[in-house]
Amino acid sequence: MKKALLLAIFALCIQTINSQSKPDRNGNLIGYMQKSDLMTSNFKKWFEPNYHSYEPNEKVVKKIKKSIKGITIKSFVGTWCHDSKRVIPRLYKILETAGFDFNNNAKMVGISRGKKTPDNLQEGYHIKHTPTIIFYKNGKEIGRFVEHARQTLEKDILKILKGKKYKHSYQK
């Protein structure tokens, strides 16, 4: 019983440390955040329905699953942004279905409407639109998804993971 209680307290502490987002004056999450942050208060209103109603393409998700090993992700999200409200729940659904470990292999940063955080977590990433989801392999960027899909979210992710020629929505 004591071990279970200590384990639960430890898990809560780790979650608190990893989740450092804070609401700005408008109530938007700014800073590092996790899915659990999106499952609270006002964010739950859009996250849950968009997560549960989305049906990923199973064939493409199976291919993603084969290509996701060794990948890390850093995403910049606006909880105020309609594109982030659509894409981020779908991203979670797709990658969780593919067996991706968000807790160890992804960082999500909530940014302001001005695309900034108080700690300048966005610095050096050239964030102009939200969401921006950057995929890395061996520490090197292999591609980024920006705002909306060229084909579908699943197919765009797969192209990035496979190293195929992919240009996000704002690349010429």
Protein backbone atom coordinates (compact mmCIF):
# COMPACT_ATOMS: atom_id res chain seq x y z
CA MET A 1 0.00 0.00 0.00
CA LYS A 2 2.81 2.41 0.93
CA LYS A 3 4.68 1.58 -2.28
CA ALA A 4 1.58 2.27 -4.39
CA LEU A 5 1.03 5.61 -2.64
CA LEU A 6 4.67 6.62 -3.06
CA LEU A 7 4.58 5.61 -6.72
CA ALA A 8 1.45 7.69 -7.29
CA ILE A 9 3.02 10.73 -5.59
CA PHE A 10 6.21 10.27 -7.63
CA ALA A 11 4.23 10.06 -10.89
CA LEU A 12 2.31 13.23 -9.99
CA CYS A 13 5.58 15.06 -9.23
CA ILE A 14 7.10 13.98 -12.56
CA GLN A 15 3.97 15.08 -14.41
CA THR A 16 4.07 18.44 -12.65
CA ILE A 17 7.74 18.92 -13.51
CA ASN A 18 7.25 17.95 -17.15
CA SER A 19 4.15 20.07 -17.53
CA GLN A 20 5.20 23.65 -17.01
CA SER A 21 2.59 25.49 -19.04
CA LYS A 22 0.91 28.46 -17.50
CA PRO A 23 -2.19 30.25 -18.69
CA ASP A 24 -1.55 33.73 -20.05
CA ARG A 25 -3.85 36.64 -19.26
CA ASN A 26 -6.29 35.35 -21.90
CA GLY A 27 -6.33 31.82 -20.47
CA ASN A 28 -4.18 30.26 -23.20
CA LEU A 29 -1.48 27.74 -22.27
CA ILE A 30 2.05 29.08 -22.67
CA GLY A 31 5.18 26.97 -22.17
CA TYR A 32 5.80 23.23 -22.10
CA MET A 33 2.59 21.24 -21.92
CA GLN A 34 1.27 17.70 -22.18
CA LYS A 35 -1.91 16.00 -23.23
CA SER A 36 -3.09 16.08 -19.61
CA ASP A 37 -3.04 19.90 -19.77
CA LEU A 38 -5.36 19.75 -22.76
CA MET A 39 -7.74 17.51 -20.83
CA THR A 40 -8.56 20.27 -18.32
CA SER A 41 -11.06 23.13 -18.22
CA ASN A 42 -11.70 24.99 -21.47
CA PHE A 43 -9.22 22.95 -23.51
CA LYS A 44 -11.09 19.71 -22.87
CA LYS A 45 -14.11 21.21 -24.66
CA TRP A 46 -12.33 21.11 -27.99
CA PHE A 47 -9.62 18.47 -27.40
CA GLU A 48 -11.82 15.52 -26.46
CA PRO A 49 -14.43 15.82 -29.25
CA ASN A 50 -11.73 16.34 -31.89
CA TYR A 51 -9.73 13.40 -30.53
CA HIS A 52 -12.61 10.95 -30.21
CA SER A 53 -14.35 11.80 -33.48
CA TYR A 54 -11.23 11.44 -35.62
CA GLU A 55 -10.81 8.16 -37.49
CA PRO A 56 -7.20 7.82 -38.70
CA ASN A 57 -6.45 5.95 -41.90
CA GLU A 58 -5.45 2.55 -40.49
CA LYS A 59 -3.28 1.55 -43.46
CA VAL A 60 -1.23 4.72 -43.24
CA VAL A 61 -0.98 4.49 -39.44
CA LYS A 62 0.49 0.98 -39.78
CA LYS A 63 3.17 2.40 -42.08
CA ILE A 64 3.81 5.24 -39.63
CA LYS A 65 4.24 2.67 -36.86
CA LYS A 66 7.02 1.00 -38.86
CA SER A 67 8.80 4.33 -39.41
CA ILE A 68 8.36 6.09 -36.05
CA LYS A 69 11.21 4.40 -34.16
CA GLY A 70 13.99 6.81 -33.27
CA ILE A 71 11.86 9.87 -34.00
CA THR A 72 11.42 12.80 -31.64
CA ILE A 73 8.94 15.62 -32.07
CA LYS A 74 8.78 19.23 -30.94
CA SER A 75 5.53 21.04 -31.60
CA PHE A 76 4.51 24.63 -31.18
CA VAL A 77 0.82 25.03 -30.49
CA GLY A 78 -1.60 27.85 -29.89
CA THR A 79 -4.48 26.83 -27.63
CA TRP A 80 -6.19 29.92 -29.08
CA CYS A 81 -5.67 28.69 -32.68
CA HIS A 82 -8.43 26.89 -34.61
CA ASP A 83 -5.84 24.92 -36.63
CA SER A 84 -4.13 23.70 -33.44
CA LYS A 85 -7.51 22.75 -32.00
CA ARG A 86 -8.12 20.59 -35.07
CA VAL A 87 -4.64 19.16 -35.68
CA ILE A 88 -3.24 18.43 -32.20
CA PRO A 89 -6.02 16.02 -31.09
CA ARG A 90 -5.66 14.22 -34.44
CA LEU A 91 -1.89 14.10 -34.06
CA TYR A 92 -2.25 12.46 -30.66
CA LYS A 93 -4.79 9.96 -32.00
CA ILE A 94 -2.62 9.01 -34.99
CA LEU A 95 0.65 8.69 -33.10
CA GLU A 96 -0.84 6.97 -30.05
CA THR A 97 -2.43 4.44 -32.42
CA ALA A 98 1.01 3.97 -33.98
CA GLY A 99 2.51 3.29 -30.53
CA PHE A 100 4.52 6.53 -30.30
CA ASP A 101 5.70 7.40 -26.78
CA PHE A 102 4.78 11.07 -26.32
CA ASN A 103 6.06 11.23 -22.74
CA ASN A 104 9.64 10.39 -23.71
CA ASN A 105 9.87 11.41 -27.35
CA ALA A 106 7.90 14.63 -27.73
CA LYS A 107 7.78 18.14 -26.36
CA MET A 108 4.84 20.44 -26.93
CA VAL A 109 5.15 24.18 -26.42
CA GLY A 110 2.16 26.46 -26.04
CA ILE A 111 2.84 29.86 -27.61
CA SER A 112 1.10 33.21 -27.58
CA ARG A 113 -0.69 34.82 -30.51
CA GLY A 114 2.60 36.63 -31.12
CA LYS A 115 4.27 33.16 -31.45
CA LYS A 116 6.34 33.62 -28.30
CA THR A 117 6.79 32.33 -24.76
CA PRO A 118 8.15 34.25 -21.76
CA ASP A 119 11.21 31.92 -21.72
CA ASN A 120 11.74 32.28 -25.51
CA LEU A 121 11.23 28.55 -26.06
CA GLN A 122 10.34 29.36 -29.68
CA GLU A 123 13.70 31.03 -30.36
CA GLY A 124 15.60 29.52 -33.27
CA TYR A 125 12.68 27.46 -34.57
CA HIS A 126 11.29 30.04 -37.03
CA ILE A 127 7.68 29.64 -35.91
CA LYS A 128 5.30 31.68 -38.07
CA HIS A 129 2.15 29.53 -38.02
CA THR A 130 0.47 27.18 -35.56
CA PRO A 131 0.63 24.37 -35.15
CA THR A 132 4.20 23.71 -36.26
CA ILE A 133 5.23 20.11 -35.66
CA ILE A 134 8.93 19.40 -36.16
CA PHE A 135 10.17 15.84 -36.62
CA TYR A 136 13.74 14.83 -35.70
CA LYS A 137 15.85 11.76 -36.29
CA ASN A 138 19.22 11.47 -34.56
CA GLY A 139 18.81 15.05 -33.39
CA LYS A 140 18.44 16.47 -36.91
CA GLU A 141 15.24 17.95 -38.31
CA ILE A 142 13.83 15.73 -41.04
CA GLY A 143 10.72 17.80 -41.74
CA ARG A 144 7.93 19.86 -40.32
CA PHE A 145 4.18 19.95 -40.62
CA VAL A 146 2.80 23.49 -40.54
CA GLU A 147 -0.84 24.44 -39.91
CA HIS A 148 -2.71 22.18 -42.35
CA ALA A 149 -2.14 19.07 -44.42
CA ARG A 150 -1.09 18.94 -48.04
CA GLN A 151 -2.84 15.56 -48.37
CA THR A 152 -3.94 14.23 -44.98
CA LEU A 153 -2.20 14.53 -41.64
CA GLU A 154 -1.32 10.83 -41.71
CA LYS A 155 0.07 10.92 -45.25
CA ASP A 156 2.04 14.10 -44.58
CA ILE A 157 3.57 12.58 -41.42
CA LEU A 158 4.45 9.40 -43.30
CA LYS A 159 6.19 11.36 -46.07
CA ILE A 160 8.27 13.18 -43.48
CA LEU A 161 9.15 9.96 -41.64
CA LYS A 162 10.08 8.15 -44.86
CA GLY A 163 12.34 11.03 -45.94
CA LYS A 164 10.31 11.60 -49.08
CA LYS A 165 10.15 15.01 -50.68
CA TYR A 166 7.71 17.01 -48.57
CA LYS A 167 7.00 20.70 -48.41
CA HIS A 168 4.77 22.05 -45.69
CA SER A 169 1.87 24.32 -46.54
CA TYR A 170 3.97 27.50 -46.67
CA GLN A 171 6.99 26.21 -48.58
CA LYS A 172 7.28 27.01 -52.25
